[in-house]
Amino acid sequence: MTVSRISGWFDAVIIDGIVNGAASVQVAFSWVSGKIDKFGVDGLVNLLADFVRTTGDEVRQMQTGRIQNYLVFAVMGVIVLFLVIR
């Protein structure tokens, strides 16, 4: 009976304590990992997506479908290149 009581106490206090402590540490690491994922990784991806969406909205306004407008932009680009290279 004494060995049984000692074994029961050892299981309830020592073994369960180790298991519950390890679980608490894992929960803490999981929480930190979740925050890094949510605000670090997802935040960066969302920031990049917003940048691409905003840039696309701005560039879309330049696409008129009129060849004359495209020629003006091309000529302006050539002039800028000459000024930069010179």
PDB file of N, CA and C in Angstrom:
ATOM      1  N   MET A   1       0.828  -1.196   0.000  1.00  0.00           N
ATOM      2  CA  MET A   1       0.000   0.000   0.000  1.00  0.00           C
ATOM      3  C   MET A   1       0.871   1.257   0.000  1.00  0.00           C
ATOM      4  N   THR A   2       1.965   1.208   0.748  1.00  0.00           N
ATOM      5  CA  THR A   2       2.842   2.375   0.823  1.00  0.00           C
ATOM      6  C   THR A   2       3.457   2.676  -0.538  1.00  0.00           C
ATOM      7  N   VAL A   3       3.908   1.643  -1.227  1.00  0.00           N
ATOM      8  CA  VAL A   3       4.481   1.817  -2.564  1.00  0.00           C
ATOM      9  C   VAL A   3       3.421   2.369  -3.512  1.00  0.00           C
ATOM     10  N   SER A   4       2.194   1.906  -3.383  1.00  0.00           N
ATOM     11  CA  SER A   4       1.101   2.381  -4.215  1.00  0.00           C
ATOM     12  C   SER A   4       0.832   3.868  -3.971  1.00  0.00           C
ATOM     13  N   ARG A   5       0.809   4.288  -2.691  1.00  0.00           N
ATOM     14  CA  ARG A   5       0.574   5.697  -2.361  1.00  0.00           C
ATOM     15  C   ARG A   5       1.726   6.574  -2.864  1.00  0.00           C
ATOM     16  N   ILE A   6       2.944   6.110  -2.672  1.00  0.00           N
ATOM     17  CA  ILE A   6       4.103   6.872  -3.147  1.00  0.00           C
ATOM     18  C   ILE A   6       4.066   6.990  -4.675  1.00  0.00           C
ATOM     19  N   SER A   7       3.725   5.909  -5.350  1.00  0.00           N
ATOM     20  CA  SER A   7       3.629   5.927  -6.818  1.00  0.00           C
ATOM     21  C   SER A   7       2.517   6.862  -7.276  1.00  0.00           C
ATOM     22  N   GLY A   8       1.374   6.836  -6.574  1.00  0.00           N
ATOM     23  CA  GLY A   8       0.272   7.738  -6.912  1.00  0.00           C
ATOM     24  C   GLY A   8       0.653   9.196  -6.721  1.00  0.00           C
ATOM     25  N   TRP A   9       1.323   9.478  -5.593  1.00  0.00           N
ATOM     26  CA  TRP A   9       1.776  10.855  -5.344  1.00  0.00           C
ATOM     27  C   TRP A   9       2.795  11.294  -6.402  1.00  0.00           C
ATOM     28  N   PHE A  10       3.743  10.428  -6.720  1.00  0.00           N
ATOM     29  CA  PHE A  10       4.767  10.728  -7.720  1.00  0.00           C
ATOM     30  C   PHE A  10       4.130  11.017  -9.075  1.00  0.00           C
ATOM     31  N   ASP A  11       3.124  10.216  -9.433  1.00  0.00           N
ATOM     32  CA  ASP A  11       2.428  10.419 -10.704  1.00  0.00           C
ATOM     33  C   ASP A  11       1.645  11.732 -10.697  1.00  0.00           C
ATOM     34  N   ALA A  12       0.900  11.975  -9.620  1.00  0.00           N
ATOM     35  CA  ALA A  12       0.045  13.160  -9.565  1.00  0.00           C
ATOM     36  C   ALA A  12       0.839  14.453  -9.453  1.00  0.00           C
ATOM     37  N   VAL A  13       1.932  14.426  -8.709  1.00  0.00           N
ATOM     38  CA  VAL A  13       2.667  15.671  -8.460  1.00  0.00           C
ATOM     39  C   VAL A  13       3.825  15.844  -9.444  1.00  0.00           C
ATOM     40  N   ILE A  14       4.675  14.877  -9.571  1.00  0.00           N
ATOM     41  CA  ILE A  14       5.894  15.013 -10.368  1.00  0.00           C
ATOM     42  C   ILE A  14       5.608  14.861 -11.861  1.00  0.00           C
ATOM     43  N   ILE A  15       5.061  13.726 -12.249  1.00  0.00           N
ATOM     44  CA  ILE A  15       4.830  13.450 -13.676  1.00  0.00           C
ATOM     45  C   ILE A  15       3.815  14.434 -14.258  1.00  0.00           C
ATOM     46  N   ASP A  16       2.671  14.597 -13.585  1.00  0.00           N
ATOM     47  CA  ASP A  16       1.666  15.539 -14.088  1.00  0.00           C
ATOM     48  C   ASP A  16       2.199  16.973 -14.087  1.00  0.00           C
ATOM     49  N   GLY A  17       3.020  17.301 -13.112  1.00  0.00           N
ATOM     50  CA  GLY A  17       3.634  18.634 -13.087  1.00  0.00           C
ATOM     51  C   GLY A  17       4.531  18.867 -14.287  1.00  0.00           C
ATOM     52  N   ILE A  18       5.332  17.881 -14.620  1.00  0.00           N
ATOM     53  CA  ILE A  18       6.209  17.988 -15.793  1.00  0.00           C
ATOM     54  C   ILE A  18       5.390  18.108 -17.068  1.00  0.00           C
ATOM     55  N   VAL A  19       4.370  17.266 -17.198  1.00  0.00           N
ATOM     56  CA  VAL A  19       3.528  17.286 -18.403  1.00  0.00           C
ATOM     57  C   VAL A  19       2.779  18.615 -18.508  1.00  0.00           C
ATOM     58  N   ASN A  20       2.180  19.068 -17.412  1.00  0.00           N
ATOM     59  CA  ASN A  20       1.439  20.335 -17.449  1.00  0.00           C
ATOM     60  C   ASN A  20       2.375  21.525 -17.671  1.00  0.00           C
ATOM     61  N   GLY A  21       3.568  21.470 -17.100  1.00  0.00           N
ATOM     62  CA  GLY A  21       4.546  22.544 -17.334  1.00  0.00           C
ATOM     63  C   GLY A  21       4.978  22.595 -18.787  1.00  0.00           C
ATOM     64  N   ALA A  22       5.228  21.431 -19.369  1.00  0.00           N
ATOM     65  CA  ALA A  22       5.603  21.380 -20.789  1.00  0.00           C
ATOM     66  C   ALA A  22       4.460  21.894 -21.668  1.00  0.00           C
ATOM     67  N   ALA A  23       3.231  21.578 -21.298  1.00  0.00           N
ATOM     68  CA  ALA A  23       2.075  22.068 -22.056  1.00  0.00           C
ATOM     69  C   ALA A  23       1.979  23.584 -21.955  1.00  0.00           C
ATOM     70  N   SER A  24       2.219  24.136 -20.778  1.00  0.00           N
ATOM     71  CA  SER A  24       2.169  25.597 -20.620  1.00  0.00           C
ATOM     72  C   SER A  24       3.237  26.284 -21.454  1.00  0.00           C
ATOM     73  N   VAL A  25       4.433  25.722 -21.484  1.00  0.00           N
ATOM     74  CA  VAL A  25       5.508  26.286 -22.298  1.00  0.00           C
ATOM     75  C   VAL A  25       5.125  26.221 -23.773  1.00  0.00           C
ATOM     76  N   GLN A  26       4.553  25.108 -24.199  1.00  0.00           N
ATOM     77  CA  GLN A  26       4.160  24.966 -25.601  1.00  0.00           C
ATOM     78  C   GLN A  26       3.060  25.954 -25.972  1.00  0.00           C
ATOM     79  N   VAL A  27       2.110  26.166 -25.079  1.00  0.00           N
ATOM     80  CA  VAL A  27       1.043  27.141 -25.333  1.00  0.00           C
ATOM     81  C   VAL A  27       1.637  28.537 -25.482  1.00  0.00           C
ATOM     82  N   ALA A  28       2.602  28.889 -24.650  1.00  0.00           N
ATOM     83  CA  ALA A  28       3.244  30.202 -24.740  1.00  0.00           C
ATOM     84  C   ALA A  28       3.982  30.354 -26.067  1.00  0.00           C
ATOM     85  N   PHE A  29       4.757  29.341 -26.459  1.00  0.00           N
ATOM     86  CA  PHE A  29       5.446  29.394 -27.747  1.00  0.00           C
ATOM     87  C   PHE A  29       4.460  29.491 -28.899  1.00  0.00           C
ATOM     88  N   SER A  30       3.367  28.778 -28.817  1.00  0.00           N
ATOM     89  CA  SER A  30       2.345  28.821 -29.855  1.00  0.00           C
ATOM     90  C   SER A  30       1.733  30.207 -29.960  1.00  0.00           C
ATOM     91  N   TRP A  31       1.480  30.857 -28.824  1.00  0.00           N
ATOM     92  CA  TRP A  31       0.904  32.199 -28.820  1.00  0.00           C
ATOM     93  C   TRP A  31       1.864  33.190 -29.490  1.00  0.00           C
ATOM     94  N   VAL A  32       3.154  33.103 -29.119  1.00  0.00           N
ATOM     95  CA  VAL A  32       4.155  33.990 -29.717  1.00  0.00           C
ATOM     96  C   VAL A  32       4.260  33.732 -31.220  1.00  0.00           C
ATOM     97  N   SER A  33       4.292  32.477 -31.602  1.00  0.00           N
ATOM     98  CA  SER A  33       4.368  32.137 -33.016  1.00  0.00           C
ATOM     99  C   SER A  33       3.159  32.662 -33.783  1.00  0.00           C
ATOM    100  N   GLY A  34       1.986  32.566 -33.183  1.00  0.00           N
ATOM    101  CA  GLY A  34       0.778  33.090 -33.819  1.00  0.00           C
ATOM    102  C   GLY A  34       0.838  34.589 -34.018  1.00  0.00           C
ATOM    103  N   LYS A  35       1.357  35.311 -33.030  1.00  0.00           N
ATOM    104  CA  LYS A  35       1.477  36.770 -33.155  1.00  0.00           C
ATOM    105  C   LYS A  35       2.486  37.147 -34.238  1.00  0.00           C
ATOM    106  N   ILE A  36       3.609  36.439 -34.288  1.00  0.00           N
ATOM    107  CA  ILE A  36       4.605  36.700 -35.335  1.00  0.00           C
ATOM    108  C   ILE A  36       3.995  36.445 -36.709  1.00  0.00           C
ATOM    109  N   ASP A  37       3.244  35.371 -36.843  1.00  0.00           N
ATOM    110  CA  ASP A  37       2.616  35.056 -38.124  1.00  0.00           C
ATOM    111  C   ASP A  37       1.573  36.100 -38.494  1.00  0.00           C
ATOM    112  N   LYS A  38       0.741  36.468 -37.538  1.00  0.00           N
ATOM    113  CA  LYS A  38      -0.357  37.399 -37.826  1.00  0.00           C
ATOM    114  C   LYS A  38       0.150  38.789 -38.170  1.00  0.00           C
ATOM    115  N   PHE A  39       1.061  39.318 -37.362  1.00  0.00           N
ATOM    116  CA  PHE A  39       1.485  40.689 -37.559  1.00  0.00           C
ATOM    117  C   PHE A  39       2.746  40.813 -38.409  1.00  0.00           C
ATOM    118  N   GLY A  40       3.592  39.806 -38.412  1.00  0.00           N
ATOM    119  CA  GLY A  40       4.819  39.861 -39.202  1.00  0.00           C
ATOM    120  C   GLY A  40       4.603  39.395 -40.620  1.00  0.00           C
ATOM    121  N   VAL A  41       4.301  38.125 -40.768  1.00  0.00           N
ATOM    122  CA  VAL A  41       4.166  37.526 -42.101  1.00  0.00           C
ATOM    123  C   VAL A  41       2.910  38.040 -42.800  1.00  0.00           C
ATOM    124  N   ASP A  42       1.757  37.890 -42.157  1.00  0.00           N
ATOM    125  CA  ASP A  42       0.512  38.339 -42.785  1.00  0.00           C
ATOM    126  C   ASP A  42       0.510  39.848 -42.973  1.00  0.00           C
ATOM    127  N   GLY A  43       1.086  40.574 -42.030  1.00  0.00           N
ATOM    128  CA  GLY A  43       1.141  42.022 -42.162  1.00  0.00           C
ATOM    129  C   GLY A  43       1.952  42.438 -43.371  1.00  0.00           C
ATOM    130  N   LEU A  44       3.087  41.776 -43.602  1.00  0.00           N
ATOM    131  CA  LEU A  44       3.920  42.086 -44.761  1.00  0.00           C
ATOM    132  C   LEU A  44       3.213  41.728 -46.063  1.00  0.00           C
ATOM    133  N   VAL A  45       2.562  40.584 -46.093  1.00  0.00           N
ATOM    134  CA  VAL A  45       1.836  40.165 -47.296  1.00  0.00           C
ATOM    135  C   VAL A  45       0.694  41.137 -47.586  1.00  0.00           C
ATOM    136  N   ASN A  46      -0.049  41.523 -46.554  1.00  0.00           N
ATOM    137  CA  ASN A  46      -1.155  42.466 -46.749  1.00  0.00           C
ATOM    138  C   ASN A  46      -0.653  43.836 -47.186  1.00  0.00           C
ATOM    139  N   LEU A  47       0.477  44.269 -46.638  1.00  0.00           N
ATOM    140  CA  LEU A  47       1.058  45.547 -47.046  1.00  0.00           C
ATOM    141  C   LEU A  47       1.456  45.511 -48.517  1.00  0.00           C
ATOM    142  N   LEU A  48       2.080  44.432 -48.936  1.00  0.00           N
ATOM    143  CA  LEU A  48       2.471  44.284 -50.336  1.00  0.00           C
ATOM    144  C   LEU A  48       1.245  44.237 -51.243  1.00  0.00           C
ATOM    145  N   ALA A  49       0.213  43.519 -50.828  1.00  0.00           N
ATOM    146  CA  ALA A  49      -1.009  43.443 -51.627  1.00  0.00           C
ATOM    147  C   ALA A  49      -1.672  44.812 -51.753  1.00  0.00           C
ATOM    148  N   ASP A  50      -1.713  45.578 -50.677  1.00  0.00           N
ATOM    149  CA  ASP A  50      -2.287  46.924 -50.735  1.00  0.00           C
ATOM    150  C   ASP A  50      -1.477  47.826 -51.661  1.00  0.00           C
ATOM    151  N   PHE A  51      -0.149  47.701 -51.607  1.00  0.00           N
ATOM    152  CA  PHE A  51       0.706  48.496 -52.492  1.00  0.00           C
ATOM    153  C   PHE A  51       0.435  48.155 -53.956  1.00  0.00           C
ATOM    154  N   VAL A  52       0.354  46.864 -54.265  1.00  0.00           N
ATOM    155  CA  VAL A  52       0.109  46.445 -55.649  1.00  0.00           C
ATOM    156  C   VAL A  52      -1.264  46.914 -56.113  1.00  0.00           C
ATOM    157  N   ARG A  53      -2.278  46.783 -55.247  1.00  0.00           N
ATOM    158  CA  ARG A  53      -3.632  47.213 -55.599  1.00  0.00           C
ATOM    159  C   ARG A  53      -3.672  48.723 -55.857  1.00  0.00           C
ATOM    160  N   THR A  54      -3.052  49.505 -54.978  1.00  0.00           N
ATOM    161  CA  THR A  54      -3.055  50.958 -55.140  1.00  0.00           C
ATOM    162  C   THR A  54      -2.293  51.375 -56.392  1.00  0.00           C
ATOM    163  N   THR A  55      -1.135  50.757 -56.607  1.00  0.00           N
ATOM    164  CA  THR A  55      -0.353  51.067 -57.803  1.00  0.00           C
ATOM    165  C   THR A  55      -1.123  50.690 -59.064  1.00  0.00           C
ATOM    166  N   GLY A  56      -1.782  49.563 -59.045  1.00  0.00           N
ATOM    167  CA  GLY A  56      -2.583  49.145 -60.196  1.00  0.00           C
ATOM    168  C   GLY A  56      -3.726  50.100 -60.475  1.00  0.00           C
ATOM    169  N   ASP A  57      -4.370  50.593 -59.420  1.00  0.00           N
ATOM    170  CA  ASP A  57      -5.454  51.562 -59.602  1.00  0.00           C
ATOM    171  C   ASP A  57      -4.941  52.844 -60.244  1.00  0.00           C
ATOM    172  N   GLU A  58      -3.740  53.281 -59.842  1.00  0.00           N
ATOM    173  CA  GLU A  58      -3.167  54.498 -60.412  1.00  0.00           C
ATOM    174  C   GLU A  58      -2.742  54.282 -61.866  1.00  0.00           C
ATOM    175  N   VAL A  59      -2.090  53.163 -62.139  1.00  0.00           N
ATOM    176  CA  VAL A  59      -1.605  52.899 -63.493  1.00  0.00           C
ATOM    177  C   VAL A  59      -2.776  52.665 -64.446  1.00  0.00           C
ATOM    178  N   ARG A  60      -3.843  52.087 -63.955  1.00  0.00           N
ATOM    179  CA  ARG A  60      -5.011  51.804 -64.791  1.00  0.00           C
ATOM    180  C   ARG A  60      -5.569  53.091 -65.406  1.00  0.00           C
ATOM    181  N   GLN A  61      -5.456  54.195 -64.702  1.00  0.00           N
ATOM    182  CA  GLN A  61      -5.985  55.456 -65.213  1.00  0.00           C
ATOM    183  C   GLN A  61      -5.182  55.958 -66.412  1.00  0.00           C
ATOM    184  N   MET A  62      -3.917  55.542 -66.516  1.00  0.00           N
ATOM    185  CA  MET A  62      -3.105  55.949 -67.660  1.00  0.00           C
ATOM    186  C   MET A  62      -3.442  55.124 -68.906  1.00  0.00           C
ATOM    187  N   GLN A  63      -4.095  53.990 -68.739  1.00  0.00           N
ATOM    188  CA  GLN A  63      -4.416  53.136 -69.882  1.00  0.00           C
ATOM    189  C   GLN A  63      -5.754  53.572 -70.474  1.00  0.00           C
ATOM    190  N   THR A  64      -5.663  54.417 -71.494  1.00  0.00           N
ATOM    191  CA  THR A  64      -6.878  54.969 -72.102  1.00  0.00           C
ATOM    192  C   THR A  64      -7.309  54.187 -73.328  1.00  0.00           C
ATOM    193  N   GLY A  65      -6.398  53.449 -73.929  1.00  0.00           N
ATOM    194  CA  GLY A  65      -6.717  52.738 -75.160  1.00  0.00           C
ATOM    195  C   GLY A  65      -6.488  53.592 -76.396  1.00  0.00           C
ATOM    196  N   ARG A  66      -6.057  54.815 -76.211  1.00  0.00           N
ATOM    197  CA  ARG A  66      -5.801  55.718 -77.342  1.00  0.00           C
ATOM    198  C   ARG A  66      -4.309  55.712 -77.639  1.00  0.00           C
ATOM    199  N   ILE A  67      -3.961  55.375 -78.869  1.00  0.00           N
ATOM    200  CA  ILE A  67      -2.563  55.248 -79.265  1.00  0.00           C
ATOM    201  C   ILE A  67      -1.824  56.578 -79.147  1.00  0.00           C
ATOM    202  N   GLN A  68      -2.554  57.691 -79.330  1.00  0.00           N
ATOM    203  CA  GLN A  68      -1.917  59.001 -79.229  1.00  0.00           C
ATOM    204  C   GLN A  68      -1.353  59.223 -77.819  1.00  0.00           C
ATOM    205  N   ASN A  69      -2.088  58.816 -76.826  1.00  0.00           N
ATOM    206  CA  ASN A  69      -1.604  58.965 -75.450  1.00  0.00           C
ATOM    207  C   ASN A  69      -0.352  58.124 -75.221  1.00  0.00           C
ATOM    208  N   TYR A  70      -0.333  56.912 -75.733  1.00  0.00           N
ATOM    209  CA  TYR A  70       0.830  56.049 -75.559  1.00  0.00           C
ATOM    210  C   TYR A  70       2.058  56.635 -76.261  1.00  0.00           C
ATOM    211  N   LEU A  71       1.853  57.229 -77.424  1.00  0.00           N
ATOM    212  CA  LEU A  71       2.960  57.858 -78.134  1.00  0.00           C
ATOM    213  C   LEU A  71       3.516  59.045 -77.348  1.00  0.00           C
ATOM    214  N   VAL A  72       2.636  59.827 -76.725  1.00  0.00           N
ATOM    215  CA  VAL A  72       3.091  60.961 -75.914  1.00  0.00           C
ATOM    216  C   VAL A  72       3.949  60.451 -74.757  1.00  0.00           C
ATOM    217  N   PHE A  73       3.505  59.390 -74.080  1.00  0.00           N
ATOM    218  CA  PHE A  73       4.287  58.828 -72.972  1.00  0.00           C
ATOM    219  C   PHE A  73       5.628  58.290 -73.467  1.00  0.00           C
ATOM    220  N   ALA A  74       5.634  57.667 -74.637  1.00  0.00           N
ATOM    221  CA  ALA A  74       6.879  57.123 -75.179  1.00  0.00           C
ATOM    222  C   ALA A  74       7.858  58.248 -75.509  1.00  0.00           C
ATOM    223  N   VAL A  75       7.367  59.313 -76.126  1.00  0.00           N
ATOM    224  CA  VAL A  75       8.230  60.447 -76.460  1.00  0.00           C
ATOM    225  C   VAL A  75       8.759  61.095 -75.192  1.00  0.00           C
ATOM    226  N   MET A  76       7.892  61.246 -74.188  1.00  0.00           N
ATOM    227  CA  MET A  76       8.332  61.825 -72.916  1.00  0.00           C
ATOM    228  C   MET A  76       9.407  60.947 -72.278  1.00  0.00           C
ATOM    229  N   GLY A  77       9.252  59.652 -72.378  1.00  0.00           N
ATOM    230  CA  GLY A  77      10.243  58.732 -71.831  1.00  0.00           C
ATOM    231  C   GLY A  77      11.583  58.849 -72.527  1.00  0.00           C
ATOM    232  N   VAL A  78      11.561  58.990 -73.852  1.00  0.00           N
ATOM    233  CA  VAL A  78      12.805  59.149 -74.611  1.00  0.00           C
ATOM    234  C   VAL A  78      13.481  60.457 -74.214  1.00  0.00           C
ATOM    235  N   ILE A  79      12.697  61.531 -74.070  1.00  0.00           N
ATOM    236  CA  ILE A  79      13.274  62.819 -73.668  1.00  0.00           C
ATOM    237  C   ILE A  79      13.912  62.704 -72.285  1.00  0.00           C
ATOM    238  N   VAL A  80      13.233  62.064 -71.353  1.00  0.00           N
ATOM    239  CA  VAL A  80      13.790  61.890 -70.005  1.00  0.00           C
ATOM    240  C   VAL A  80      15.081  61.075 -70.063  1.00  0.00           C
ATOM    241  N   LEU A  81      15.105  60.020 -70.877  1.00  0.00           N
ATOM    242  CA  LEU A  81      16.333  59.220 -71.020  1.00  0.00           C
ATOM    243  C   LEU A  81      17.483  60.063 -71.558  1.00  0.00           C
ATOM    244  N   PHE A  82      17.204  60.886 -72.568  1.00  0.00           N
ATOM    245  CA  PHE A  82      18.271  61.744 -73.106  1.00  0.00           C
ATOM    246  C   PHE A  82      18.778  62.709 -72.046  1.00  0.00           C
ATOM    247  N   LEU A  83      17.880  63.271 -71.241  1.00  0.00           N
ATOM    248  CA  LEU A  83      18.290  64.218 -70.210  1.00  0.00           C
ATOM    249  C   LEU A  83      19.085  63.522 -69.106  1.00  0.00           C
ATOM    250  N   VAL A  84      18.708  62.314 -68.765  1.00  0.00           N
ATOM    251  CA  VAL A  84      19.407  61.581 -67.701  1.00  0.00           C
ATOM    252  C   VAL A  84      20.778  61.113 -68.186  1.00  0.00           C
ATOM    253  N   ILE A  85      20.854  60.620 -69.392  1.00  0.00           N
ATOM    254  CA  ILE A  85      22.117  60.093 -69.922  1.00  0.00           C
ATOM    255  C   ILE A  85      23.113  61.220 -70.199  1.00  0.00           C
ATOM    256  N   ARG A  86      22.595  62.359 -70.609  1.00  0.00           N
ATOM    257  CA  ARG A  86      23.457  63.480 -70.952  1.00  0.00           C
ATOM    258  C   ARG A  86      24.095  63.993 -69.738  1.00  0.00           C
TER     259      ARG A  86
END
